[in-house]
Amino acid sequence: MDIKVYGENVEVTLAIKEHVIEKVSHLKLPEKVANIEVRLNHVKTTNIAKININCLGQNIHIEEKDDDLYAAIDKLIHRTQRNLVKFKEKNNIHLY
């Protein structure tokens, strides 16, 4: 599994990158995940965190916004986990 972290209008420091990778590594992902792409963006006073997961030839795209970048990342991971459960049920696959 390949995890990439990009920053748009925000510098991705080592601490931010480690935080994202730690949170993503705790996700219960399907076995056949090709890659995970996390994009962090800062627009005016809002921080936006986006995740793209390529799994079984389908893309899962989720976006969260918050004033605090770390809060946006945490919300994103929580929402991603809920959507992965729905994805699993829809496609009848097992999470590990």
PDB file of N, CA and C in Angstrom:
ATOM      1  N   MET A   1       0.850  -1.170   0.000  1.00  0.00           N
ATOM      2  CA  MET A   1       0.000   0.000   0.000  1.00  0.00           C
ATOM      3  C   MET A   1       0.896   1.233   0.000  1.00  0.00           C
ATOM      4  N   ASP A   2       0.580   2.153  -0.877  1.00  0.00           N
ATOM      5  CA  ASP A   2       1.367   3.362  -1.047  1.00  0.00           C
ATOM      6  C   ASP A   2       0.554   4.557  -0.559  1.00  0.00           C
ATOM      7  N   ILE A   3       1.079   5.283   0.437  1.00  0.00           N
ATOM      8  CA  ILE A   3       0.396   6.458   0.982  1.00  0.00           C
ATOM      9  C   ILE A   3       1.187   7.692   0.576  1.00  0.00           C
ATOM     10  N   LYS A   4       0.522   8.620  -0.125  1.00  0.00           N
ATOM     11  CA  LYS A   4       1.160   9.863  -0.552  1.00  0.00           C
ATOM     12  C   LYS A   4       0.425  11.034   0.087  1.00  0.00           C
ATOM     13  N   VAL A   5       1.183  12.006   0.572  1.00  0.00           N
ATOM     14  CA  VAL A   5       0.612  13.193   1.207  1.00  0.00           C
ATOM     15  C   VAL A   5       1.087  14.417   0.436  1.00  0.00           C
ATOM     16  N   TYR A   6       0.145  15.214  -0.048  1.00  0.00           N
ATOM     17  CA  TYR A   6       0.443  16.418  -0.811  1.00  0.00           C
ATOM     18  C   TYR A   6      -0.117  17.637  -0.088  1.00  0.00           C
ATOM     19  N   GLY A   7       0.533  18.759  -0.253  1.00  0.00           N
ATOM     20  CA  GLY A   7       0.057  20.008   0.315  1.00  0.00           C
ATOM     21  C   GLY A   7      -0.156  21.041  -0.773  1.00  0.00           C
ATOM     22  N   GLU A   8      -1.295  21.684  -0.746  1.00  0.00           N
ATOM     23  CA  GLU A   8      -1.607  22.778  -1.669  1.00  0.00           C
ATOM     24  C   GLU A   8      -1.854  24.018  -0.816  1.00  0.00           C
ATOM     25  N   ASN A   9      -1.016  25.013  -0.950  1.00  0.00           N
ATOM     26  CA  ASN A   9      -1.075  26.237  -0.140  1.00  0.00           C
ATOM     27  C   ASN A   9      -0.786  25.965   1.335  1.00  0.00           C
ATOM     28  N   VAL A  10      -0.201  24.828   1.636  1.00  0.00           N
ATOM     29  CA  VAL A  10       0.204  24.498   2.999  1.00  0.00           C
ATOM     30  C   VAL A  10       1.465  23.639   2.910  1.00  0.00           C
ATOM     31  N   GLU A  11       2.412  23.912   3.797  1.00  0.00           N
ATOM     32  CA  GLU A  11       3.643  23.138   3.804  1.00  0.00           C
ATOM     33  C   GLU A  11       3.411  21.848   4.596  1.00  0.00           C
ATOM     34  N   VAL A  12       3.712  20.730   3.989  1.00  0.00           N
ATOM     35  CA  VAL A  12       3.547  19.438   4.649  1.00  0.00           C
ATOM     36  C   VAL A  12       4.825  19.167   5.434  1.00  0.00           C
ATOM     37  N   THR A  13       4.761  19.429   6.728  1.00  0.00           N
ATOM     38  CA  THR A  13       5.917  19.197   7.589  1.00  0.00           C
ATOM     39  C   THR A  13       5.998  17.721   7.937  1.00  0.00           C
ATOM     40  N   LEU A  14       7.096  17.340   8.536  1.00  0.00           N
ATOM     41  CA  LEU A  14       7.285  15.953   8.946  1.00  0.00           C
ATOM     42  C   LEU A  14       6.227  15.538   9.970  1.00  0.00           C
ATOM     43  N   ALA A  15       5.883  16.442  10.885  1.00  0.00           N
ATOM     44  CA  ALA A  15       4.874  16.136  11.905  1.00  0.00           C
ATOM     45  C   ALA A  15       3.503  15.897  11.275  1.00  0.00           C
ATOM     46  N   ILE A  16       3.129  16.722  10.298  1.00  0.00           N
ATOM     47  CA  ILE A  16       1.836  16.554   9.629  1.00  0.00           C
ATOM     48  C   ILE A  16       1.823  15.239   8.858  1.00  0.00           C
ATOM     49  N   LYS A  17       2.903  14.952   8.138  1.00  0.00           N
ATOM     50  CA  LYS A  17       2.977  13.730   7.347  1.00  0.00           C
ATOM     51  C   LYS A  17       2.903  12.500   8.244  1.00  0.00           C
ATOM     52  N   GLU A  18       3.608  12.503   9.368  1.00  0.00           N
ATOM     53  CA  GLU A  18       3.558  11.378  10.299  1.00  0.00           C
ATOM     54  C   GLU A  18       2.168  11.209  10.891  1.00  0.00           C
ATOM     55  N   HIS A  19       1.491  12.338  11.190  1.00  0.00           N
ATOM     56  CA  HIS A  19       0.138  12.282  11.734  1.00  0.00           C
ATOM     57  C   HIS A  19      -0.819  11.635  10.731  1.00  0.00           C
ATOM     58  N   VAL A  20      -0.728  12.043   9.482  1.00  0.00           N
ATOM     59  CA  VAL A  20      -1.588  11.489   8.433  1.00  0.00           C
ATOM     60  C   VAL A  20      -1.308  10.000   8.244  1.00  0.00           C
ATOM     61  N   ILE A  21      -0.043   9.619   8.156  1.00  0.00           N
ATOM     62  CA  ILE A  21       0.301   8.215   7.929  1.00  0.00           C
ATOM     63  C   ILE A  21      -0.125   7.353   9.111  1.00  0.00           C
ATOM     64  N   GLU A  22       0.027   7.866  10.323  1.00  0.00           N
ATOM     65  CA  GLU A  22      -0.406   7.112  11.508  1.00  0.00           C
ATOM     66  C   GLU A  22      -1.917   6.885  11.483  1.00  0.00           C
ATOM     67  N   LYS A  23      -2.672   7.921  11.176  1.00  0.00           N
ATOM     68  CA  LYS A  23      -4.132   7.804  11.140  1.00  0.00           C
ATOM     69  C   LYS A  23      -4.591   6.879  10.019  1.00  0.00           C
ATOM     70  N   VAL A  24      -3.999   7.004   8.840  1.00  0.00           N
ATOM     71  CA  VAL A  24      -4.387   6.169   7.696  1.00  0.00           C
ATOM     72  C   VAL A  24      -4.032   4.702   7.956  1.00  0.00           C
ATOM     73  N   SER A  25      -2.930   4.462   8.640  1.00  0.00           N
ATOM     74  CA  SER A  25      -2.517   3.077   8.897  1.00  0.00           C
ATOM     75  C   SER A  25      -3.469   2.360   9.840  1.00  0.00           C
ATOM     76  N   HIS A  26      -4.264   3.106  10.611  1.00  0.00           N
ATOM     77  CA  HIS A  26      -5.236   2.486  11.515  1.00  0.00           C
ATOM     78  C   HIS A  26      -6.570   2.174  10.835  1.00  0.00           C
ATOM     79  N   LEU A  27      -6.745   2.613   9.590  1.00  0.00           N
ATOM     80  CA  LEU A  27      -7.980   2.321   8.860  1.00  0.00           C
ATOM     81  C   LEU A  27      -8.065   0.837   8.541  1.00  0.00           C
ATOM     82  N   LYS A  28      -9.257   0.303   8.595  1.00  0.00           N
ATOM     83  CA  LYS A  28      -9.484  -1.087   8.191  1.00  0.00           C
ATOM     84  C   LYS A  28      -9.793  -1.075   6.704  1.00  0.00           C
ATOM     85  N   LEU A  29      -8.765  -1.298   5.913  1.00  0.00           N
ATOM     86  CA  LEU A  29      -8.868  -1.188   4.464  1.00  0.00           C
ATOM     87  C   LEU A  29      -9.102  -2.534   3.807  1.00  0.00           C
ATOM     88  N   PRO A  30      -9.746  -2.552   2.641  1.00  0.00           N
ATOM     89  CA  PRO A  30      -9.852  -3.788   1.869  1.00  0.00           C
ATOM     90  C   PRO A  30      -8.461  -4.275   1.476  1.00  0.00           C
ATOM     91  N   GLU A  31      -8.363  -5.550   1.181  1.00  0.00           N
ATOM     92  CA  GLU A  31      -7.073  -6.162   0.876  1.00  0.00           C
ATOM     93  C   GLU A  31      -6.440  -5.606  -0.389  1.00  0.00           C
ATOM     94  N   LYS A  32      -7.223  -5.235  -1.370  1.00  0.00           N
ATOM     95  CA  LYS A  32      -6.683  -4.853  -2.675  1.00  0.00           C
ATOM     96  C   LYS A  32      -6.654  -3.347  -2.886  1.00  0.00           C
ATOM     97  N   VAL A  33      -6.082  -2.622  -1.938  1.00  0.00           N
ATOM     98  CA  VAL A  33      -5.935  -1.175  -2.080  1.00  0.00           C
ATOM     99  C   VAL A  33      -4.643  -0.905  -2.832  1.00  0.00           C
ATOM    100  N   ALA A  34      -4.741  -0.217  -3.963  1.00  0.00           N
ATOM    101  CA  ALA A  34      -3.564   0.075  -4.781  1.00  0.00           C
ATOM    102  C   ALA A  34      -2.770   1.235  -4.182  1.00  0.00           C
ATOM    103  N   ASN A  35      -3.433   2.355  -3.954  1.00  0.00           N
ATOM    104  CA  ASN A  35      -2.736   3.494  -3.366  1.00  0.00           C
ATOM    105  C   ASN A  35      -3.724   4.408  -2.652  1.00  0.00           C
ATOM    106  N   ILE A  36      -3.173   5.224  -1.766  1.00  0.00           N
ATOM    107  CA  ILE A  36      -3.948   6.199  -1.012  1.00  0.00           C
ATOM    108  C   ILE A  36      -3.276   7.548  -1.187  1.00  0.00           C
ATOM    109  N   GLU A  37      -4.080   8.537  -1.531  1.00  0.00           N
ATOM    110  CA  GLU A  37      -3.566   9.884  -1.769  1.00  0.00           C
ATOM    111  C   GLU A  37      -4.306  10.858  -0.856  1.00  0.00           C
ATOM    112  N   VAL A  38      -3.563  11.593  -0.032  1.00  0.00           N
ATOM    113  CA  VAL A  38      -4.149  12.574   0.873  1.00  0.00           C
ATOM    114  C   VAL A  38      -3.670  13.948   0.432  1.00  0.00           C
ATOM    115  N   ARG A  39      -4.616  14.857   0.215  1.00  0.00           N
ATOM    116  CA  ARG A  39      -4.288  16.227  -0.192  1.00  0.00           C
ATOM    117  C   ARG A  39      -4.772  17.186   0.896  1.00  0.00           C
ATOM    118  N   LEU A  40      -3.876  18.050   1.315  1.00  0.00           N
ATOM    119  CA  LEU A  40      -4.183  19.049   2.329  1.00  0.00           C
ATOM    120  C   LEU A  40      -4.135  20.416   1.670  1.00  0.00           C
ATOM    121  N   ASN A  41      -5.134  21.254   1.947  1.00  0.00           N
ATOM    122  CA  ASN A  41      -5.242  22.554   1.306  1.00  0.00           C
ATOM    123  C   ASN A  41      -5.661  23.591   2.338  1.00  0.00           C
ATOM    124  N   HIS A  42      -5.188  24.804   2.171  1.00  0.00           N
ATOM    125  CA  HIS A  42      -5.561  25.918   3.041  1.00  0.00           C
ATOM    126  C   HIS A  42      -6.146  27.027   2.176  1.00  0.00           C
ATOM    127  N   VAL A  43      -7.427  27.361   2.420  1.00  0.00           N
ATOM    128  CA  VAL A  43      -8.105  28.416   1.683  1.00  0.00           C
ATOM    129  C   VAL A  43      -8.649  29.414   2.699  1.00  0.00           C
ATOM    130  N   LYS A  44      -8.131  30.630   2.641  1.00  0.00           N
ATOM    131  CA  LYS A  44      -8.495  31.708   3.579  1.00  0.00           C
ATOM    132  C   LYS A  44      -8.315  31.226   5.015  1.00  0.00           C
ATOM    133  N   THR A  45      -9.392  30.958   5.743  1.00  0.00           N
ATOM    134  CA  THR A  45      -9.269  30.498   7.132  1.00  0.00           C
ATOM    135  C   THR A  45      -9.658  29.040   7.292  1.00  0.00           C
ATOM    136  N   THR A  46      -9.929  28.365   6.206  1.00  0.00           N
ATOM    137  CA  THR A  46     -10.400  26.983   6.261  1.00  0.00           C
ATOM    138  C   THR A  46      -9.326  26.025   5.763  1.00  0.00           C
ATOM    139  N   ASN A  47      -9.174  24.927   6.468  1.00  0.00           N
ATOM    140  CA  ASN A  47      -8.279  23.858   6.045  1.00  0.00           C
ATOM    141  C   ASN A  47      -9.119  22.722   5.481  1.00  0.00           C
ATOM    142  N   ILE A  48      -8.698  22.194   4.344  1.00  0.00           N
ATOM    143  CA  ILE A  48      -9.431  21.143   3.663  1.00  0.00           C
ATOM    144  C   ILE A  48      -8.528  19.918   3.552  1.00  0.00           C
ATOM    145  N   ALA A  49      -9.067  18.782   3.954  1.00  0.00           N
ATOM    146  CA  ALA A  49      -8.348  17.518   3.833  1.00  0.00           C
ATOM    147  C   ALA A  49      -9.160  16.610   2.917  1.00  0.00           C
ATOM    148  N   LYS A  50      -8.489  16.056   1.892  1.00  0.00           N
ATOM    149  CA  LYS A  50      -9.144  15.177   0.922  1.00  0.00           C
ATOM    150  C   LYS A  50      -8.381  13.869   0.872  1.00  0.00           C
ATOM    151  N   ILE A  51      -9.115  12.775   0.655  1.00  0.00           N
ATOM    152  CA  ILE A  51      -8.476  11.473   0.512  1.00  0.00           C
ATOM    153  C   ILE A  51      -9.056  10.769  -0.704  1.00  0.00           C
ATOM    154  N   ASN A  52      -8.190  10.142  -1.478  1.00  0.00           N
ATOM    155  CA  ASN A  52      -8.578   9.308  -2.615  1.00  0.00           C
ATOM    156  C   ASN A  52      -8.009   7.921  -2.370  1.00  0.00           C
ATOM    157  N   ILE A  53      -8.870   6.921  -2.388  1.00  0.00           N
ATOM    158  CA  ILE A  53      -8.441   5.539  -2.200  1.00  0.00           C
ATOM    159  C   ILE A  53      -8.813   4.767  -3.454  1.00  0.00           C
ATOM    160  N   ASN A  54      -7.826   4.161  -4.096  1.00  0.00           N
ATOM    161  CA  ASN A  54      -8.055   3.352  -5.281  1.00  0.00           C
ATOM    162  C   ASN A  54      -8.129   1.899  -4.845  1.00  0.00           C
ATOM    163  N   CYS A  55      -9.320   1.315  -4.959  1.00  0.00           N
ATOM    164  CA  CYS A  55      -9.548  -0.043  -4.486  1.00  0.00           C
ATOM    165  C   CYS A  55     -10.437  -0.794  -5.469  1.00  0.00           C
ATOM    166  N   LEU A  56      -9.979  -1.935  -5.907  1.00  0.00           N
ATOM    167  CA  LEU A  56     -10.758  -2.800  -6.800  1.00  0.00           C
ATOM    168  C   LEU A  56     -11.226  -2.055  -8.053  1.00  0.00           C
ATOM    169  N   GLY A  57     -10.395  -1.163  -8.562  1.00  0.00           N
ATOM    170  CA  GLY A  57     -10.737  -0.431  -9.767  1.00  0.00           C
ATOM    171  C   GLY A  57     -11.715   0.703  -9.550  1.00  0.00           C
ATOM    172  N   GLN A  58     -12.068   0.976  -8.303  1.00  0.00           N
ATOM    173  CA  GLN A  58     -12.980   2.064  -7.978  1.00  0.00           C
ATOM    174  C   GLN A  58     -12.250   3.084  -7.122  1.00  0.00           C
ATOM    175  N   ASN A  59     -12.666   4.336  -7.217  1.00  0.00           N
ATOM    176  CA  ASN A  59     -12.074   5.391  -6.399  1.00  0.00           C
ATOM    177  C   ASN A  59     -13.049   5.809  -5.317  1.00  0.00           C
ATOM    178  N   ILE A  60     -12.532   5.922  -4.122  1.00  0.00           N
ATOM    179  CA  ILE A  60     -13.300   6.448  -2.997  1.00  0.00           C
ATOM    180  C   ILE A  60     -12.730   7.828  -2.711  1.00  0.00           C
ATOM    181  N   HIS A  61     -13.550   8.863  -2.802  1.00  0.00           N
ATOM    182  CA  HIS A  61     -13.100  10.235  -2.602  1.00  0.00           C
ATOM    183  C   HIS A  61     -13.905  10.851  -1.459  1.00  0.00           C
ATOM    184  N   ILE A  62     -13.201  11.385  -0.460  1.00  0.00           N
ATOM    185  CA  ILE A  62     -13.852  12.002   0.689  1.00  0.00           C
ATOM    186  C   ILE A  62     -13.140  13.316   0.988  1.00  0.00           C
ATOM    187  N   GLU A  63     -13.907  14.314   1.422  1.00  0.00           N
ATOM    188  CA  GLU A  63     -13.370  15.643   1.714  1.00  0.00           C
ATOM    189  C   GLU A  63     -13.944  16.149   3.030  1.00  0.00           C
ATOM    190  N   GLU A  64     -13.103  16.763   3.858  1.00  0.00           N
ATOM    191  CA  GLU A  64     -13.542  17.360   5.125  1.00  0.00           C
ATOM    192  C   GLU A  64     -12.914  18.732   5.282  1.00  0.00           C
ATOM    193  N   LYS A  65     -13.624  19.626   5.954  1.00  0.00           N
ATOM    194  CA  LYS A  65     -13.150  20.994   6.185  1.00  0.00           C
ATOM    195  C   LYS A  65     -13.203  21.305   7.673  1.00  0.00           C
ATOM    196  N   ASP A  66     -12.230  22.110   8.126  1.00  0.00           N
ATOM    197  CA  ASP A  66     -12.221  22.570   9.514  1.00  0.00           C
ATOM    198  C   ASP A  66     -11.249  23.742   9.617  1.00  0.00           C
ATOM    199  N   ASP A  67     -11.368  24.517  10.692  1.00  0.00           N
ATOM    200  CA  ASP A  67     -10.448  25.628  10.899  1.00  0.00           C
ATOM    201  C   ASP A  67      -9.053  25.127  11.271  1.00  0.00           C
ATOM    202  N   ASP A  68      -8.987  23.996  11.978  1.00  0.00           N
ATOM    203  CA  ASP A  68      -7.718  23.402  12.400  1.00  0.00           C
ATOM    204  C   ASP A  68      -7.364  22.253  11.460  1.00  0.00           C
ATOM    205  N   LEU A  69      -6.137  22.222  10.978  1.00  0.00           N
ATOM    206  CA  LEU A  69      -5.715  21.203  10.023  1.00  0.00           C
ATOM    207  C   LEU A  69      -5.774  19.805  10.630  1.00  0.00           C
ATOM    208  N   TYR A  70      -5.306  19.659  11.869  1.00  0.00           N
ATOM    209  CA  TYR A  70      -5.313  18.343  12.517  1.00  0.00           C
ATOM    210  C   TYR A  70      -6.748  17.853  12.761  1.00  0.00           C
ATOM    211  N   ALA A  71      -7.653  18.757  13.088  1.00  0.00           N
ATOM    212  CA  ALA A  71      -9.063  18.395  13.274  1.00  0.00           C
ATOM    213  C   ALA A  71      -9.676  17.958  11.944  1.00  0.00           C
ATOM    214  N   ALA A  72      -9.305  18.630  10.864  1.00  0.00           N
ATOM    215  CA  ALA A  72      -9.804  18.250   9.539  1.00  0.00           C
ATOM    216  C   ALA A  72      -9.322  16.847   9.175  1.00  0.00           C
ATOM    217  N   ILE A  73      -8.064  16.540   9.493  1.00  0.00           N
ATOM    218  CA  ILE A  73      -7.519  15.209   9.210  1.00  0.00           C
ATOM    219  C   ILE A  73      -8.245  14.154  10.039  1.00  0.00           C
ATOM    220  N   ASP A  74      -8.472  14.431  11.322  1.00  0.00           N
ATOM    221  CA  ASP A  74      -9.164  13.468  12.183  1.00  0.00           C
ATOM    222  C   ASP A  74     -10.597  13.221  11.720  1.00  0.00           C
ATOM    223  N   LYS A  75     -11.304  14.286  11.344  1.00  0.00           N
ATOM    224  CA  LYS A  75     -12.667  14.136  10.816  1.00  0.00           C
ATOM    225  C   LYS A  75     -12.657  13.318   9.525  1.00  0.00           C
ATOM    226  N   LEU A  76     -11.671  13.586   8.688  1.00  0.00           N
ATOM    227  CA  LEU A  76     -11.541  12.873   7.417  1.00  0.00           C
ATOM    228  C   LEU A  76     -11.358  11.383   7.643  1.00  0.00           C
ATOM    229  N   ILE A  77     -10.498  11.007   8.567  1.00  0.00           N
ATOM    230  CA  ILE A  77     -10.243   9.592   8.846  1.00  0.00           C
ATOM    231  C   ILE A  77     -11.488   8.928   9.412  1.00  0.00           C
ATOM    232  N   HIS A  78     -12.192   9.618  10.303  1.00  0.00           N
ATOM    233  CA  HIS A  78     -13.419   9.054  10.877  1.00  0.00           C
ATOM    234  C   HIS A  78     -14.475   8.824   9.796  1.00  0.00           C
ATOM    235  N   ARG A  79     -14.665   9.799   8.941  1.00  0.00           N
ATOM    236  CA  ARG A  79     -15.653   9.673   7.857  1.00  0.00           C
ATOM    237  C   ARG A  79     -15.228   8.611   6.842  1.00  0.00           C
ATOM    238  N   THR A  80     -13.923   8.509   6.591  1.00  0.00           N
ATOM    239  CA  THR A  80     -13.409   7.496   5.672  1.00  0.00           C
ATOM    240  C   THR A  80     -13.711   6.098   6.188  1.00  0.00           C
ATOM    241  N   GLN A  81     -13.513   5.873   7.489  1.00  0.00           N
ATOM    242  CA  GLN A  81     -13.789   4.552   8.054  1.00  0.00           C
ATOM    243  C   GLN A  81     -15.263   4.186   7.892  1.00  0.00           C
ATOM    244  N   ARG A  82     -16.159   5.142   8.121  1.00  0.00           N
ATOM    245  CA  ARG A  82     -17.593   4.872   7.942  1.00  0.00           C
ATOM    246  C   ARG A  82     -17.905   4.537   6.490  1.00  0.00           C
ATOM    247  N   ASN A  83     -17.301   5.267   5.553  1.00  0.00           N
ATOM    248  CA  ASN A  83     -17.554   5.017   4.137  1.00  0.00           C
ATOM    249  C   ASN A  83     -16.942   3.704   3.665  1.00  0.00           C
ATOM    250  N   LEU A  84     -15.837   3.284   4.267  1.00  0.00           N
ATOM    251  CA  LEU A  84     -15.244   1.994   3.909  1.00  0.00           C
ATOM    252  C   LEU A  84     -16.146   0.842   4.330  1.00  0.00           C
ATOM    253  N   VAL A  85     -16.845   0.994   5.454  1.00  0.00           N
ATOM    254  CA  VAL A  85     -17.796  -0.041   5.876  1.00  0.00           C
ATOM    255  C   VAL A  85     -18.930  -0.141   4.869  1.00  0.00           C
ATOM    256  N   LYS A  86     -19.431   0.999   4.405  1.00  0.00           N
ATOM    257  CA  LYS A  86     -20.481   0.996   3.380  1.00  0.00           C
ATOM    258  C   LYS A  86     -19.971   0.374   2.080  1.00  0.00           C
ATOM    259  N   PHE A  87     -18.743   0.706   1.704  1.00  0.00           N
ATOM    260  CA  PHE A  87     -18.133   0.157   0.503  1.00  0.00           C
ATOM    261  C   PHE A  87     -18.016  -1.360   0.608  1.00  0.00           C
ATOM    262  N   LYS A  88     -17.616  -1.831   1.782  1.00  0.00           N
ATOM    263  CA  LYS A  88     -17.474  -3.265   2.022  1.00  0.00           C
ATOM    264  C   LYS A  88     -18.823  -3.972   1.877  1.00  0.00           C
ATOM    265  N   GLU A  89     -19.850  -3.409   2.479  1.00  0.00           N
ATOM    266  CA  GLU A  89     -21.172  -4.025   2.413  1.00  0.00           C
ATOM    267  C   GLU A  89     -21.715  -4.017   0.987  1.00  0.00           C
ATOM    268  N   LYS A  90     -21.482  -2.943   0.273  1.00  0.00           N
ATOM    269  CA  LYS A  90     -21.981  -2.824  -1.094  1.00  0.00           C
ATOM    270  C   LYS A  90     -21.304  -3.819  -2.029  1.00  0.00           C
ATOM    271  N   ASN A  91     -19.994  -4.006  -1.866  1.00  0.00           N
ATOM    272  CA  ASN A  91     -19.229  -4.873  -2.755  1.00  0.00           C
ATOM    273  C   ASN A  91     -18.993  -6.268  -2.197  1.00  0.00           C
ATOM    274  N   ASN A  92     -19.521  -6.532  -0.995  1.00  0.00           N
ATOM    275  CA  ASN A  92     -19.403  -7.845  -0.355  1.00  0.00           C
ATOM    276  C   ASN A  92     -17.936  -8.304  -0.294  1.00  0.00           C
ATOM    277  N   ILE A  93     -17.081  -7.465   0.286  1.00  0.00           N
ATOM    278  CA  ILE A  93     -15.679  -7.820   0.456  1.00  0.00           C
ATOM    279  C   ILE A  93     -15.327  -7.766   1.944  1.00  0.00           C
ATOM    280  N   HIS A  94     -14.203  -8.334   2.279  1.00  0.00           N
ATOM    281  CA  HIS A  94     -13.770  -8.391   3.670  1.00  0.00           C
ATOM    282  C   HIS A  94     -12.702  -7.353   3.947  1.00  0.00           C
ATOM    283  N   LEU A  95     -12.830  -6.731   5.119  1.00  0.00           N
ATOM    284  CA  LEU A  95     -11.794  -5.799   5.575  1.00  0.00           C
ATOM    285  C   LEU A  95     -10.857  -6.562   6.484  1.00  0.00           C
ATOM    286  N   TYR A  96      -9.599  -6.179   6.481  1.00  0.00           N
ATOM    287  CA  TYR A  96      -8.663  -6.841   7.396  1.00  0.00           C
ATOM    288  C   TYR A  96      -8.019  -5.838   8.297  1.00  0.00           C
TER     289      TYR A  96
END
